[in-house]
Amino acid sequence: MTERRVVVVGYQAAELLDIACVTSTLIAANLHGATPPYDVCLATPSGLPITCSSGLTLQGQQALQRIAGPLDTLIVSGGIGREEAAASRVIVGHVRRLARESRRVASVCTGAAVLAAAGLLNGRRATTHWQYAHELAARHPEIMVDADPIFIRDGDVATAAGVTSALDLTLAFIEEDHGAALAREVARNLVTYLQRPGNQAQMSMFTAGPPPGDSLIQRVVDHVTGHLDADLSTAALATGAGVSERHLNRLFLKHLGQTPGRFVRRARTEAAAHLLASTSLPMTAIATRCGFGTAETLRQAFVDRYGIPPSRYRLTQGTA
């Protein structure tokens, strides 16, 4: 029986969870009957042990330099050692070489920096941990960096966002390789959702980042998130803040990088996602509570934001 060879690339100060989410999920698929099974290997420079960012040490199973294709999947982990890894001729050179011999290539978290250094993301849309997306975009303008989704597939190259999004991406690989039934069985074994949609946001706007530095914008943001069913048109928000619409637009773009209208739409959609996952409220009630007015308006906003209709999101994410 032919095995699917999967090589996970680790290096000094790699993130242990980036590695374990991939390897443990694939091994779980083997335990539940993946046919052909995955042959999973942790490759490190010269096959030497690596000390992960957590301080724990992992033994490399093979030397990166000695691995030869063909491979099914090549996955580069992230971690605080990403800059040294991306600057390493050995790591980057062999990742580039093995990518040519792999059916698909992926990175987890800041492992995207290594793929970028190898030129494997040029002209592609890619993601990474939201905290480092600006850094990746600034260093590699040839990459279309999107900090929002938890993972992105662009042809035969995939990039996953921060840490545990590796679990979502690996489940997606299992479903692609062996079907949804096995992916569901593995997810149940790991006590996790089947998988979050790939373009689900990494970070909720209600928890991401520090509050805006402008007190007026902070008041408007607080009003929006606390009154989603109110009139939140830019005109109404500007009137409430005592400024012109033009000035409010300038402030939002400066401090939040988006217009008031886009911020409101995102706030309403994320609130709807929370209610879909945590309650059994009918769609019309959620639409009304979140300020969409109709279930169809909610559906359109949800598809724009998450790439799936709200009914599908509730089916996969619901806990109520």
Protein backbone atom coordinates (compact mmCIF):
# COMPACT_ATOMS: atom_id res chain seq x y z
CA MET A 1 0.00 0.00 0.00
CA THR A 2 1.52 3.33 -1.06
CA GLU A 3 1.84 5.83 1.76
CA ARG A 4 1.35 9.57 1.56
CA ARG A 5 4.74 10.98 2.55
CA VAL A 6 4.41 14.14 4.64
CA VAL A 7 7.48 16.09 5.75
CA VAL A 8 7.13 18.71 8.47
CA VAL A 9 10.08 21.10 8.60
CA GLY A 10 11.22 22.21 12.05
CA TYR A 11 14.08 24.42 13.16
CA GLN A 12 15.45 26.02 16.30
CA ALA A 13 12.78 27.98 18.22
CA ALA A 14 9.95 26.57 16.12
CA GLU A 15 6.49 26.54 17.71
CA LEU A 16 5.70 23.09 19.12
CA LEU A 17 1.97 23.45 18.50
CA ASP A 18 2.60 24.25 14.83
CA ILE A 19 4.29 20.87 14.52
CA ALA A 20 2.04 18.83 16.82
CA CYS A 21 -1.26 20.05 15.33
CA VAL A 22 -0.17 18.69 11.97
CA THR A 23 1.54 15.47 13.03
CA SER A 24 -1.00 14.41 15.66
CA THR A 25 -3.94 15.04 13.33
CA LEU A 26 -2.42 13.01 10.50
CA ILE A 27 -1.51 10.14 12.83
CA ALA A 28 -5.09 10.22 14.16
CA ALA A 29 -6.27 9.83 10.57
CA ASN A 30 -4.08 6.71 10.27
CA LEU A 31 -5.58 5.29 13.45
CA HIS A 32 -9.06 5.76 11.96
CA GLY A 33 -8.23 3.99 8.72
CA ALA A 34 -6.72 6.48 6.30
CA THR A 35 -5.96 4.54 3.11
CA PRO A 36 -3.30 5.10 1.99
CA PRO A 37 -1.98 6.15 5.40
CA TYR A 38 0.21 9.15 6.07
CA ASP A 39 3.94 8.58 6.58
CA VAL A 40 4.79 11.60 8.74
CA CYS A 41 8.33 12.78 9.35
CA LEU A 42 9.82 15.73 11.24
CA ALA A 43 12.82 16.99 9.29
CA THR A 44 15.38 19.32 10.86
CA PRO A 45 18.70 20.71 9.65
CA SER A 46 21.17 17.79 9.77
CA GLY A 47 18.53 15.78 11.64
CA LEU A 48 19.58 17.43 14.90
CA PRO A 49 17.30 18.03 17.90
CA ILE A 50 15.52 21.38 17.98
CA THR A 51 14.56 23.34 21.07
CA CYS A 52 11.08 24.71 20.52
CA SER A 53 10.00 28.16 21.63
CA SER A 54 8.32 26.52 24.65
CA GLY A 55 11.70 25.20 25.79
CA LEU A 56 10.90 21.56 25.01
CA THR A 57 13.26 19.63 22.76
CA LEU A 58 12.21 17.54 19.75
CA GLN A 59 14.41 14.99 18.05
CA GLY A 60 14.57 15.38 14.30
CA GLN A 61 13.63 12.15 12.55
CA GLN A 62 15.49 12.87 9.32
CA ALA A 63 18.01 15.39 8.07
CA LEU A 64 16.34 17.96 5.85
CA GLN A 65 19.34 17.77 3.52
CA ARG A 66 18.91 14.01 2.97
CA ILE A 67 15.20 13.90 2.15
CA ALA A 68 14.34 13.20 -1.45
CA GLY A 69 11.01 13.30 -3.23
CA PRO A 70 8.50 12.59 -4.38
CA LEU A 71 6.51 13.86 -1.40
CA ASP A 72 2.79 14.18 -0.93
CA THR A 73 2.93 17.23 1.33
CA LEU A 74 5.67 19.55 2.59
CA ILE A 75 4.73 21.68 5.60
CA VAL A 76 6.93 24.37 7.17
CA SER A 77 6.24 25.22 10.80
CA GLY A 78 6.39 28.71 12.28
CA GLY A 79 7.80 30.05 15.50
CA ILE A 80 9.94 32.79 16.95
CA GLY A 81 12.92 31.32 15.10
CA ARG A 82 11.32 32.19 11.75
CA GLU A 83 13.76 34.98 10.88
CA GLU A 84 16.82 32.81 11.36
CA ALA A 85 15.13 30.01 9.43
CA ALA A 86 14.17 32.35 6.58
CA ALA A 87 17.77 33.58 6.45
CA SER A 88 19.23 30.05 6.42
CA ARG A 89 20.51 28.95 3.01
CA VAL A 90 20.23 25.33 4.10
CA ILE A 91 16.59 25.52 5.20
CA VAL A 92 15.37 27.79 2.40
CA GLY A 93 17.31 25.97 -0.29
CA HIS A 94 16.05 22.55 0.66
CA VAL A 95 12.47 23.78 1.15
CA ARG A 96 12.65 25.19 -2.37
CA ARG A 97 14.06 21.92 -3.69
CA LEU A 98 11.51 19.73 -1.95
CA ALA A 99 8.64 21.98 -3.00
CA ARG A 100 9.37 21.04 -6.61
CA GLU A 101 9.00 17.38 -5.65
CA SER A 102 5.80 17.76 -3.58
CA ARG A 103 2.16 17.50 -4.58
CA ARG A 104 1.30 20.34 -2.24
CA VAL A 105 3.21 22.74 -0.01
CA ALA A 106 2.02 24.49 3.14
CA SER A 107 3.15 26.67 5.99
CA VAL A 108 1.79 27.16 9.47
CA CYS A 109 1.76 30.55 11.17
CA THR A 110 5.02 32.45 10.59
CA GLY A 111 6.40 29.53 8.59
CA ALA A 112 5.10 31.63 5.69
CA ALA A 113 8.32 33.65 6.05
CA VAL A 114 10.32 30.59 4.97
CA LEU A 115 8.06 29.91 1.98
CA ALA A 116 8.36 33.60 1.08
CA ALA A 117 12.15 33.47 1.30
CA ALA A 118 12.09 30.45 -1.02
CA GLY A 119 10.01 32.40 -3.55
CA LEU A 120 7.12 29.97 -3.22
CA LEU A 121 4.52 32.64 -2.43
CA ASN A 122 5.40 35.07 -5.21
CA GLY A 123 2.23 36.25 -6.92
CA ARG A 124 0.07 34.25 -4.55
CA ARG A 125 -2.48 35.15 -1.93
CA ALA A 126 -1.24 34.02 1.48
CA THR A 127 -1.88 34.42 5.18
CA THR A 128 0.14 34.19 8.38
CA HIS A 129 -0.38 34.99 12.06
CA TRP A 130 -2.32 38.25 12.20
CA GLN A 131 0.35 39.83 14.41
CA TYR A 132 3.06 39.35 11.76
CA ALA A 133 1.07 39.89 8.57
CA HIS A 134 2.22 43.49 8.16
CA GLU A 135 5.84 42.39 8.53
CA LEU A 136 5.43 39.74 5.84
CA ALA A 137 3.69 42.16 3.47
CA ALA A 138 6.32 44.86 3.99
CA ARG A 139 9.21 42.49 3.31
CA HIS A 140 7.56 40.72 0.38
CA PRO A 141 5.39 43.13 -1.66
CA GLU A 142 5.19 40.44 -4.35
CA ILE A 143 2.88 38.45 -2.04
CA MET A 144 -0.81 39.29 -1.62
CA VAL A 145 -0.94 39.00 2.17
CA ASP A 146 -4.40 38.65 3.69
CA ALA A 147 -4.29 38.70 7.48
CA ASP A 148 -7.92 37.75 7.90
CA PRO A 149 -8.54 34.06 7.03
CA ILE A 150 -7.38 31.15 9.18
CA PHE A 151 -5.99 29.47 6.07
CA ILE A 152 -5.74 30.12 2.36
CA ARG A 153 -5.36 27.69 -0.54
CA ASP A 154 -3.81 29.17 -3.67
CA GLY A 155 -3.25 26.38 -6.15
CA ASP A 156 -0.96 23.76 -4.67
CA VAL A 157 0.29 26.08 -1.92
CA ALA A 158 -1.53 26.60 1.37
CA THR A 159 -0.77 28.98 4.23
CA ALA A 160 -2.34 28.75 7.67
CA ALA A 161 -2.62 31.49 10.24
CA GLY A 162 -1.63 31.33 13.87
CA VAL A 163 -0.81 28.08 15.66
CA THR A 164 -4.02 26.03 16.02
CA SER A 165 -5.20 26.96 12.52
CA ALA A 166 -2.79 24.18 11.53
CA LEU A 167 -5.45 21.81 12.87
CA ASP A 168 -8.07 23.31 10.57
CA LEU A 169 -5.79 23.12 7.56
CA THR A 170 -4.78 19.53 8.30
CA LEU A 171 -8.41 18.47 8.65
CA ALA A 172 -9.07 20.11 5.29
CA PHE A 173 -6.21 18.07 3.80
CA ILE A 174 -7.65 14.87 5.28
CA GLU A 175 -11.09 15.63 3.86
CA GLU A 176 -9.52 16.36 0.47
CA ASP A 177 -7.51 13.12 0.55
CA HIS A 178 -9.95 10.70 2.17
CA GLY A 179 -13.38 12.31 2.31
CA ALA A 180 -15.53 14.12 4.84
CA ALA A 181 -16.43 11.02 6.89
CA LEU A 182 -12.83 10.38 7.95
CA ALA A 183 -12.24 14.08 8.62
CA ARG A 184 -15.31 14.12 10.90
CA GLU A 185 -14.11 11.01 12.72
CA VAL A 186 -10.68 12.54 13.31
CA ALA A 187 -12.26 15.79 14.49
CA ARG A 188 -14.42 13.90 16.98
CA ASN A 189 -11.38 12.02 18.21
CA LEU A 190 -9.54 15.31 18.74
CA VAL A 191 -12.63 16.87 20.37
CA THR A 192 -12.73 19.74 17.93
CA TYR A 193 -15.00 21.10 15.23
CA LEU A 194 -14.84 19.31 11.89
CA GLN A 195 -13.09 22.43 10.70
CA ARG A 196 -13.63 26.13 10.70
CA PRO A 197 -14.18 27.57 7.24
CA GLY A 198 -10.85 28.59 5.77
CA ASN A 199 -11.86 32.20 5.44
CA GLN A 200 -13.23 32.51 8.94
CA ALA A 201 -11.50 35.47 10.59
CA GLN A 202 -8.40 34.76 12.67
CA MET A 203 -9.31 37.33 15.28
CA SER A 204 -12.66 38.78 16.26
CA MET A 205 -12.84 42.54 16.02
CA PHE A 206 -14.17 42.44 19.58
CA THR A 207 -10.89 41.00 20.90
CA ALA A 208 -8.21 41.80 18.33
CA GLY A 209 -5.55 44.35 19.14
CA PRO A 210 -5.54 47.36 21.47
CA PRO A 211 -8.38 49.87 21.42
CA PRO A 212 -7.98 52.71 18.93
CA GLY A 213 -5.87 55.63 20.12
CA ASP A 214 -8.45 58.31 19.35
CA SER A 215 -11.03 58.79 22.10
CA LEU A 216 -13.72 59.87 19.64
CA ILE A 217 -13.24 56.72 17.57
CA GLN A 218 -13.29 54.63 20.73
CA ARG A 219 -16.66 56.14 21.69
CA VAL A 220 -18.05 55.41 18.22
CA VAL A 221 -16.74 51.84 18.31
CA ASP A 222 -18.27 51.28 21.75
CA HIS A 223 -21.59 52.63 20.48
CA VAL A 224 -21.53 50.38 17.41
CA THR A 225 -20.71 47.17 19.28
CA GLY A 226 -23.31 47.94 21.95
CA HIS A 227 -26.15 48.97 19.61
CA LEU A 228 -25.95 46.73 16.57
CA ASP A 229 -29.69 46.98 15.89
CA ALA A 230 -29.66 50.80 15.82
CA ASP A 231 -29.19 53.20 12.90
CA LEU A 232 -25.44 52.86 12.34
CA SER A 233 -25.19 54.67 9.03
CA THR A 234 -22.11 56.86 8.67
CA ALA A 235 -24.35 59.91 8.76
CA ALA A 236 -25.93 58.83 12.06
CA LEU A 237 -22.57 57.96 13.62
CA ALA A 238 -21.07 61.28 12.54
CA THR A 239 -24.00 63.20 13.98
CA GLY A 240 -23.71 61.33 17.26
CA ALA A 241 -19.98 62.04 17.40
CA GLY A 242 -20.42 65.71 16.51
CA VAL A 243 -18.22 65.60 13.41
CA SER A 244 -18.72 65.55 9.66
CA GLU A 245 -19.05 62.28 7.75
CA ARG A 246 -15.87 63.12 5.88
CA HIS A 247 -13.90 63.64 9.09
CA LEU A 248 -15.29 60.44 10.63
CA ASN A 249 -14.23 58.51 7.53
CA ARG A 250 -10.71 59.96 7.81
CA LEU A 251 -10.45 59.00 11.48
CA PHE A 252 -11.67 55.43 10.90
CA LEU A 253 -9.24 54.92 8.04
CA LYS A 254 -6.38 56.33 10.11
CA HIS A 255 -7.03 54.36 13.31
CA LEU A 256 -8.83 51.22 12.09
CA GLY A 257 -7.84 50.95 8.45
CA GLN A 258 -11.44 50.76 7.25
CA THR A 259 -14.48 52.95 6.72
CA PRO A 260 -17.25 53.24 9.34
CA GLY A 261 -19.60 51.35 7.02
CA ARG A 262 -17.23 48.43 6.66
CA PHE A 263 -16.59 48.34 10.41
CA VAL A 264 -20.32 48.23 11.14
CA ARG A 265 -20.90 45.43 8.62
CA ARG A 266 -18.07 43.38 10.14
CA ALA A 267 -19.32 43.97 13.71
CA ARG A 268 -22.82 42.85 12.77
CA THR A 269 -21.59 39.79 10.90
CA GLU A 270 -19.32 38.65 13.73
CA ALA A 271 -22.11 39.11 16.25
CA ALA A 272 -24.37 37.04 14.02
CA ALA A 273 -21.70 34.33 13.82
CA HIS A 274 -21.57 34.19 17.61
CA LEU A 275 -25.36 33.87 17.88
CA LEU A 276 -25.46 31.21 15.16
CA ALA A 277 -22.89 29.11 17.01
CA SER A 278 -24.18 29.59 20.54
CA THR A 279 -27.99 29.86 20.28
CA SER A 280 -30.92 28.24 18.49
CA LEU A 281 -32.48 31.60 17.57
CA PRO A 282 -34.14 31.55 14.14
CA MET A 283 -32.32 33.31 11.33
CA THR A 284 -34.82 36.17 11.18
CA ALA A 285 -34.36 36.90 14.90
CA ILE A 286 -30.57 36.93 14.55
CA ALA A 287 -30.83 39.23 11.53
CA THR A 288 -33.01 41.65 13.47
CA ARG A 289 -30.89 41.57 16.62
CA CYS A 290 -27.71 42.24 14.64
CA GLY A 291 -29.15 45.06 12.57
CA PHE A 292 -29.46 43.35 9.21
CA GLY A 293 -33.22 43.69 8.99
CA THR A 294 -33.83 40.57 6.89
CA ALA A 295 -32.43 37.05 6.81
CA GLU A 296 -31.42 37.56 3.16
CA THR A 297 -29.34 40.63 4.02
CA LEU A 298 -27.67 38.60 6.76
CA ARG A 299 -27.01 35.76 4.31
CA GLN A 300 -25.35 38.07 1.79
CA ALA A 301 -23.13 39.68 4.43
CA PHE A 302 -22.22 36.28 5.85
CA VAL A 303 -21.22 34.83 2.50
CA ASP A 304 -19.11 37.93 1.79
CA ARG A 305 -17.36 37.59 5.15
CA TYR A 306 -16.98 33.85 5.65
CA GLY A 307 -17.53 32.36 2.22
CA ILE A 308 -20.40 30.13 3.39
CA PRO A 309 -24.08 30.80 4.17
CA PRO A 310 -25.11 31.19 7.83
CA SER A 311 -27.03 27.89 7.74
CA ARG A 312 -23.83 26.02 6.85
CA TYR A 313 -21.89 27.89 9.53
CA ARG A 314 -24.44 26.92 12.19
CA LEU A 315 -24.33 23.28 11.07
CA THR A 316 -20.53 23.04 11.51
CA GLN A 317 -20.00 25.44 14.42
CA GLY A 318 -23.20 25.29 16.43
CA THR A 319 -23.12 24.22 20.07
CA ALA A 320 -26.65 25.18 21.06
